[in-house]
């Protein structure tokens, strides 16, 4: 369960108006190969109340629509934060170069200090 506690901390750290990929969150939790576990944790609510709408796949595709009340809720929530969502041949997507969360070394170190302090 420590992974999901870490995941909650990381997800809550995603700034408004930014997105993060499942893999990026897994990496920041110290488990770079656990992107699917991030998706599962979000689906099952194991990370607590987090801004799950900011989590997209590595290509920027909105892939969690089935977990929101309506199919377009994730898109609406992102656009409400200023994140432009475009329709592509693969689905609705955000430009990760523009809206992706660029985690600094200092931010990553802060997260690991929190994990250490909370013994997770």
N, C-alpha and C. Protein backbone atom coordinates (compact mmCIF):
# COMPACT_ATOMS: atom_id res chain seq x y z
N UNK A 1 0.81 -1.20 0.00
CA UNK A 1 0.00 0.00 0.00
C UNK A 1 0.86 1.27 0.00
N UNK A 2 2.14 1.13 0.34
CA UNK A 2 3.00 2.31 0.33
C UNK A 2 3.05 2.95 -1.05
N UNK A 3 3.01 2.12 -2.11
CA UNK A 3 3.03 2.66 -3.46
C UNK A 3 1.86 3.62 -3.66
N UNK A 4 0.68 3.24 -3.20
CA UNK A 4 -0.50 4.08 -3.40
C UNK A 4 -0.46 5.34 -2.54
N UNK A 5 0.18 5.25 -1.39
CA UNK A 5 0.37 6.45 -0.57
C UNK A 5 1.31 7.41 -1.29
N UNK A 6 2.39 6.87 -1.82
CA UNK A 6 3.32 7.71 -2.60
C UNK A 6 2.60 8.30 -3.82
N UNK A 7 1.81 7.46 -4.47
CA UNK A 7 1.08 7.90 -5.66
C UNK A 7 0.16 9.08 -5.32
N UNK A 8 -0.51 9.02 -4.20
CA UNK A 8 -1.38 10.11 -3.78
C UNK A 8 -0.61 11.40 -3.60
N UNK A 9 0.55 11.31 -2.97
CA UNK A 9 1.40 12.49 -2.75
C UNK A 9 1.85 13.07 -4.08
N UNK A 10 2.29 12.20 -5.00
CA UNK A 10 2.76 12.67 -6.31
C UNK A 10 1.61 13.30 -7.09
N UNK A 11 0.47 12.63 -7.14
CA UNK A 11 -0.67 13.17 -7.90
C UNK A 11 -1.13 14.52 -7.37
N UNK A 12 -1.12 14.66 -6.06
CA UNK A 12 -1.53 15.94 -5.47
C UNK A 12 -0.52 17.05 -5.78
N UNK A 13 0.69 16.66 -6.17
CA UNK A 13 1.73 17.64 -6.50
C UNK A 13 1.69 18.12 -7.94
N UNK A 14 0.89 17.47 -8.79
CA UNK A 14 0.79 17.91 -10.19
C UNK A 14 0.15 19.29 -10.19
N UNK A 15 0.84 20.29 -10.70
CA UNK A 15 0.29 21.66 -10.66
C UNK A 15 -0.96 21.81 -11.53
N UNK A 16 -1.82 22.70 -11.11
CA UNK A 16 -3.01 23.03 -11.91
C UNK A 16 -2.54 23.51 -13.27
N UNK A 17 -3.23 23.06 -14.32
CA UNK A 17 -2.86 23.47 -15.68
C UNK A 17 -1.75 22.62 -16.28
N UNK A 18 -1.39 21.54 -15.59
CA UNK A 18 -0.34 20.63 -16.08
C UNK A 18 -0.88 19.21 -16.07
N UNK A 19 -0.23 18.35 -16.85
CA UNK A 19 -0.60 16.94 -16.88
C UNK A 19 0.64 16.10 -16.61
N UNK A 20 0.41 14.88 -16.17
CA UNK A 20 1.50 13.93 -15.94
C UNK A 20 1.06 12.59 -16.49
N UNK A 21 2.02 11.79 -16.93
CA UNK A 21 1.69 10.47 -17.45
C UNK A 21 1.72 9.44 -16.33
N UNK A 22 1.05 8.32 -16.58
CA UNK A 22 1.04 7.22 -15.62
C UNK A 22 2.48 6.79 -15.31
N UNK A 23 3.31 6.69 -16.36
CA UNK A 23 4.70 6.28 -16.18
C UNK A 23 5.51 7.29 -15.39
N UNK A 24 5.26 8.56 -15.61
CA UNK A 24 5.96 9.61 -14.87
C UNK A 24 5.63 9.51 -13.38
N UNK A 25 4.37 9.27 -13.08
CA UNK A 25 3.96 9.14 -11.68
C UNK A 25 4.62 7.91 -11.06
N UNK A 26 4.61 6.80 -11.79
CA UNK A 26 5.25 5.58 -11.28
C UNK A 26 6.73 5.82 -11.01
N UNK A 27 7.41 6.51 -11.93
CA UNK A 27 8.83 6.80 -11.75
C UNK A 27 9.06 7.65 -10.50
N UNK A 28 8.23 8.66 -10.31
CA UNK A 28 8.39 9.53 -9.15
C UNK A 28 8.08 8.80 -7.84
N UNK A 29 7.33 7.70 -7.94
CA UNK A 29 7.04 6.87 -6.77
C UNK A 29 8.16 5.87 -6.50
N UNK A 30 9.17 5.84 -7.39
CA UNK A 30 10.28 4.92 -7.23
C UNK A 30 10.06 3.57 -7.89
N UNK A 31 9.01 3.44 -8.70
CA UNK A 31 8.69 2.19 -9.38
C UNK A 31 8.45 2.48 -10.87
N UNK A 32 9.51 2.74 -11.63
CA UNK A 32 9.35 3.19 -13.02
C UNK A 32 8.60 2.24 -13.96
N UNK A 33 8.47 0.98 -13.60
CA UNK A 33 7.79 0.02 -14.48
C UNK A 33 6.34 -0.24 -14.05
N UNK A 34 5.82 0.59 -13.17
CA UNK A 34 4.49 0.34 -12.61
C UNK A 34 3.43 1.32 -13.10
N UNK A 35 3.51 1.73 -14.36
CA UNK A 35 2.52 2.66 -14.90
C UNK A 35 1.10 2.09 -14.82
N UNK A 36 0.95 0.81 -15.11
CA UNK A 36 -0.39 0.20 -15.04
C UNK A 36 -0.93 0.19 -13.62
N UNK A 37 -0.04 0.06 -12.66
CA UNK A 37 -0.46 0.08 -11.26
C UNK A 37 -0.99 1.46 -10.89
N UNK A 38 -0.44 2.51 -11.50
CA UNK A 38 -0.95 3.87 -11.28
C UNK A 38 -2.39 3.94 -11.79
N UNK A 39 -2.62 3.43 -13.00
CA UNK A 39 -3.97 3.43 -13.55
C UNK A 39 -4.94 2.67 -12.67
N UNK A 40 -4.51 1.52 -12.18
CA UNK A 40 -5.35 0.71 -11.30
C UNK A 40 -5.65 1.46 -10.00
N UNK A 41 -4.62 2.07 -9.44
CA UNK A 41 -4.81 2.82 -8.19
C UNK A 41 -5.78 3.98 -8.35
N UNK A 42 -5.70 4.67 -9.47
CA UNK A 42 -6.63 5.77 -9.72
C UNK A 42 -8.05 5.23 -9.90
N UNK A 43 -8.17 4.16 -10.66
CA UNK A 43 -9.49 3.56 -10.92
C UNK A 43 -10.16 3.11 -9.62
N UNK A 44 -9.38 2.53 -8.72
CA UNK A 44 -9.92 1.97 -7.48
C UNK A 44 -9.95 2.98 -6.33
N UNK A 45 -9.45 4.19 -6.57
CA UNK A 45 -9.44 5.21 -5.52
C UNK A 45 -8.46 4.94 -4.41
N UNK A 46 -7.41 4.17 -4.69
CA UNK A 46 -6.45 3.77 -3.66
C UNK A 46 -5.50 4.89 -3.24
N UNK A 47 -5.42 5.93 -4.02
CA UNK A 47 -4.53 7.05 -3.70
C UNK A 47 -5.27 8.16 -2.96
N UNK A 48 -6.54 7.97 -2.69
CA UNK A 48 -7.34 9.00 -2.03
C UNK A 48 -7.83 10.03 -3.03
N UNK A 49 -8.22 11.17 -2.52
CA UNK A 49 -8.72 12.26 -3.37
C UNK A 49 -7.56 12.95 -4.06
N UNK A 50 -7.43 12.72 -5.34
CA UNK A 50 -6.34 13.31 -6.13
C UNK A 50 -6.92 13.90 -7.41
N UNK A 51 -6.20 14.83 -8.03
CA UNK A 51 -6.66 15.40 -9.31
C UNK A 51 -6.39 14.44 -10.47
N UNK A 52 -7.14 13.33 -10.50
CA UNK A 52 -6.92 12.28 -11.50
C UNK A 52 -7.11 12.77 -12.93
N UNK A 53 -7.85 13.85 -13.10
CA UNK A 53 -8.06 14.37 -14.45
C UNK A 53 -6.77 14.86 -15.08
N UNK A 54 -5.74 15.11 -14.29
CA UNK A 54 -4.46 15.59 -14.80
C UNK A 54 -3.55 14.46 -15.26
N UNK A 55 -4.00 13.22 -15.12
CA UNK A 55 -3.19 12.07 -15.49
C UNK A 55 -3.64 11.55 -16.85
N UNK A 56 -2.68 11.47 -17.77
CA UNK A 56 -2.94 11.03 -19.14
C UNK A 56 -1.89 9.98 -19.51
N UNK A 57 -2.04 9.37 -20.69
CA UNK A 57 -1.01 8.40 -21.05
C UNK A 57 0.23 9.12 -21.60
N UNK A 58 1.26 8.36 -21.92
CA UNK A 58 2.54 8.95 -22.32
C UNK A 58 2.48 9.77 -23.60
N UNK A 59 1.47 9.52 -24.42
CA UNK A 59 1.30 10.29 -25.66
C UNK A 59 0.38 11.49 -25.46
N UNK A 60 -0.09 11.68 -24.23
CA UNK A 60 -0.98 12.80 -23.95
C UNK A 60 -2.44 12.47 -24.13
N UNK A 61 -2.75 11.22 -24.47
CA UNK A 61 -4.15 10.83 -24.69
C UNK A 61 -4.90 10.72 -23.36
N UNK A 62 -6.13 11.23 -23.37
CA UNK A 62 -7.00 11.10 -22.21
C UNK A 62 -7.50 9.65 -22.21
N UNK A 63 -7.02 8.87 -21.28
CA UNK A 63 -7.34 7.45 -21.30
C UNK A 63 -8.16 6.99 -20.11
N UNK A 64 -8.56 7.91 -19.26
CA UNK A 64 -9.32 7.52 -18.08
C UNK A 64 -10.78 7.92 -18.11
N UNK A 65 -11.31 8.25 -19.28
CA UNK A 65 -12.67 8.76 -19.39
C UNK A 65 -13.72 7.85 -18.75
N UNK A 66 -13.49 6.55 -18.80
CA UNK A 66 -14.44 5.60 -18.24
C UNK A 66 -14.56 5.68 -16.73
N UNK A 67 -13.65 6.39 -16.10
CA UNK A 67 -13.64 6.48 -14.64
C UNK A 67 -14.22 7.79 -14.13
N UNK A 68 -14.70 8.61 -15.04
CA UNK A 68 -15.34 9.87 -14.66
C UNK A 68 -16.85 9.73 -14.84
N UNK A 69 -17.61 10.64 -14.27
CA UNK A 69 -19.07 10.54 -14.34
C UNK A 69 -19.59 10.58 -15.77
N UNK A 70 -18.95 11.36 -16.63
CA UNK A 70 -19.34 11.43 -18.03
C UNK A 70 -18.09 11.26 -18.89
N UNK A 71 -18.27 10.86 -20.15
CA UNK A 71 -17.13 10.60 -21.03
C UNK A 71 -16.27 11.83 -21.28
N UNK A 72 -16.87 13.02 -21.15
CA UNK A 72 -16.12 14.24 -21.46
C UNK A 72 -15.71 15.04 -20.22
N UNK A 73 -15.90 14.46 -19.04
CA UNK A 73 -15.61 15.19 -17.80
C UNK A 73 -14.11 15.50 -17.65
N UNK A 74 -13.24 14.55 -17.95
CA UNK A 74 -11.81 14.78 -17.84
C UNK A 74 -11.39 15.94 -18.75
N UNK A 75 -11.89 15.93 -19.97
CA UNK A 75 -11.59 17.00 -20.92
C UNK A 75 -12.07 18.35 -20.39
N UNK A 76 -13.28 18.39 -19.88
CA UNK A 76 -13.84 19.65 -19.36
C UNK A 76 -13.03 20.16 -18.17
N UNK A 77 -12.61 19.25 -17.29
CA UNK A 77 -11.84 19.65 -16.12
C UNK A 77 -10.47 20.21 -16.53
N UNK A 78 -9.84 19.57 -17.50
CA UNK A 78 -8.54 20.05 -17.99
C UNK A 78 -8.70 21.42 -18.65
N UNK A 79 -9.70 21.55 -19.51
CA UNK A 79 -9.90 22.83 -20.20
C UNK A 79 -10.24 23.94 -19.22
N UNK A 80 -10.92 23.60 -18.13
CA UNK A 80 -11.23 24.58 -17.09
C UNK A 80 -9.95 25.11 -16.43
N UNK A 81 -8.88 24.32 -16.49
CA UNK A 81 -7.59 24.73 -15.94
C UNK A 81 -6.69 25.36 -17.00
N UNK A 82 -7.21 25.52 -18.22
CA UNK A 82 -6.43 26.15 -19.28
C UNK A 82 -5.66 25.19 -20.15
N UNK A 83 -5.87 23.89 -19.98
CA UNK A 83 -5.19 22.88 -20.79
C UNK A 83 -6.04 22.62 -22.03
N UNK A 84 -5.47 22.88 -23.19
CA UNK A 84 -6.20 22.67 -24.45
C UNK A 84 -6.19 21.19 -24.82
N UNK A 85 -7.37 20.66 -25.05
CA UNK A 85 -7.54 19.27 -25.46
C UNK A 85 -7.95 19.28 -26.93
N UNK A 86 -7.26 18.49 -27.74
CA UNK A 86 -7.58 18.44 -29.16
C UNK A 86 -8.04 17.04 -29.55
N UNK A 87 -8.85 16.98 -30.59
CA UNK A 87 -9.31 15.70 -31.11
C UNK A 87 -8.28 15.21 -32.11
N UNK A 88 -7.82 13.97 -31.94
CA UNK A 88 -6.86 13.38 -32.86
C UNK A 88 -7.48 12.08 -33.40
N UNK A 89 -6.81 11.47 -34.35
CA UNK A 89 -7.31 10.21 -34.89
C UNK A 89 -7.21 9.07 -33.86
N UNK A 90 -6.45 9.27 -32.79
CA UNK A 90 -6.31 8.26 -31.73
C UNK A 90 -7.22 8.55 -30.53
N UNK A 91 -7.82 9.73 -30.51
CA UNK A 91 -8.66 10.13 -29.38
C UNK A 91 -8.36 11.56 -28.96
N UNK A 92 -8.89 11.97 -27.86
CA UNK A 92 -8.65 13.32 -27.34
C UNK A 92 -7.30 13.35 -26.63
N UNK A 93 -6.54 14.44 -26.86
CA UNK A 93 -5.17 14.48 -26.35
C UNK A 93 -4.76 15.89 -25.95
N UNK A 94 -3.75 15.94 -25.11
CA UNK A 94 -3.12 17.21 -24.73
C UNK A 94 -1.69 17.20 -25.27
N UNK A 95 -1.15 18.36 -25.49
CA UNK A 95 0.23 18.51 -25.95
C UNK A 95 1.13 18.41 -24.71
N UNK A 96 1.80 17.27 -24.57
CA UNK A 96 2.64 17.06 -23.39
C UNK A 96 3.85 18.00 -23.36
N UNK A 97 4.32 18.41 -24.54
CA UNK A 97 5.43 19.36 -24.56
C UNK A 97 5.01 20.69 -23.94
N UNK A 98 3.78 21.07 -24.18
CA UNK A 98 3.28 22.35 -23.67
C UNK A 98 2.70 22.23 -22.26
N UNK A 99 1.94 21.17 -21.99
CA UNK A 99 1.21 21.06 -20.73
C UNK A 99 1.76 20.02 -19.76
N UNK A 100 2.73 19.23 -20.21
CA UNK A 100 3.29 18.20 -19.34
C UNK A 100 4.03 18.81 -18.17
N UNK A 101 3.93 18.16 -17.04
CA UNK A 101 4.60 18.60 -15.82
C UNK A 101 6.09 18.31 -15.94
N UNK A 102 6.88 19.35 -15.96
CA UNK A 102 8.34 19.23 -16.05
C UNK A 102 8.88 19.24 -14.61
N UNK A 103 9.07 18.07 -14.08
CA UNK A 103 9.50 17.93 -12.69
C UNK A 103 10.98 18.29 -12.57
N UNK A 104 11.27 19.20 -11.67
CA UNK A 104 12.67 19.57 -11.43
C UNK A 104 13.30 18.61 -10.44
N UNK A 105 14.60 18.62 -10.41
CA UNK A 105 15.33 17.79 -9.45
C UNK A 105 14.92 18.16 -8.03
N UNK A 106 14.75 19.44 -7.79
CA UNK A 106 14.36 19.92 -6.46
C UNK A 106 12.98 19.37 -6.07
N UNK A 107 12.04 19.36 -7.02
CA UNK A 107 10.70 18.82 -6.75
C UNK A 107 10.77 17.32 -6.44
N UNK A 108 11.56 16.59 -7.23
CA UNK A 108 11.70 15.14 -7.01
C UNK A 108 12.32 14.87 -5.64
N UNK A 109 13.32 15.65 -5.28
CA UNK A 109 13.95 15.49 -3.96
C UNK A 109 12.96 15.78 -2.84
N UNK A 110 12.10 16.79 -3.03
CA UNK A 110 11.08 17.12 -2.04
C UNK A 110 10.12 15.96 -1.85
N UNK A 111 9.70 15.34 -2.95
CA UNK A 111 8.81 14.18 -2.87
C UNK A 111 9.46 13.05 -2.08
N UNK A 112 10.72 12.75 -2.37
CA UNK A 112 11.41 11.66 -1.67
C UNK A 112 11.62 11.99 -0.20
N UNK A 113 11.79 13.26 0.13
CA UNK A 113 11.89 13.65 1.55
C UNK A 113 10.56 13.39 2.26
N UNK A 114 9.45 13.66 1.57
CA UNK A 114 8.13 13.38 2.15
C UNK A 114 7.96 11.88 2.36
N UNK A 115 8.35 11.09 1.37
CA UNK A 115 8.25 9.63 1.49
C UNK A 115 9.07 9.14 2.70
N UNK A 116 10.27 9.69 2.84
CA UNK A 116 11.16 9.29 3.93
C UNK A 116 10.55 9.68 5.27
N UNK A 117 10.03 10.90 5.35
CA UNK A 117 9.45 11.39 6.59
C UNK A 117 8.24 10.55 7.01
N UNK A 118 7.46 10.11 6.02
CA UNK A 118 6.25 9.32 6.29
C UNK A 118 6.55 7.81 6.30
N UNK A 119 7.82 7.45 6.15
CA UNK A 119 8.26 6.05 6.15
C UNK A 119 7.51 5.19 5.14
N UNK A 120 7.39 5.74 3.93
CA UNK A 120 6.71 4.98 2.87
C UNK A 120 7.62 4.83 1.67
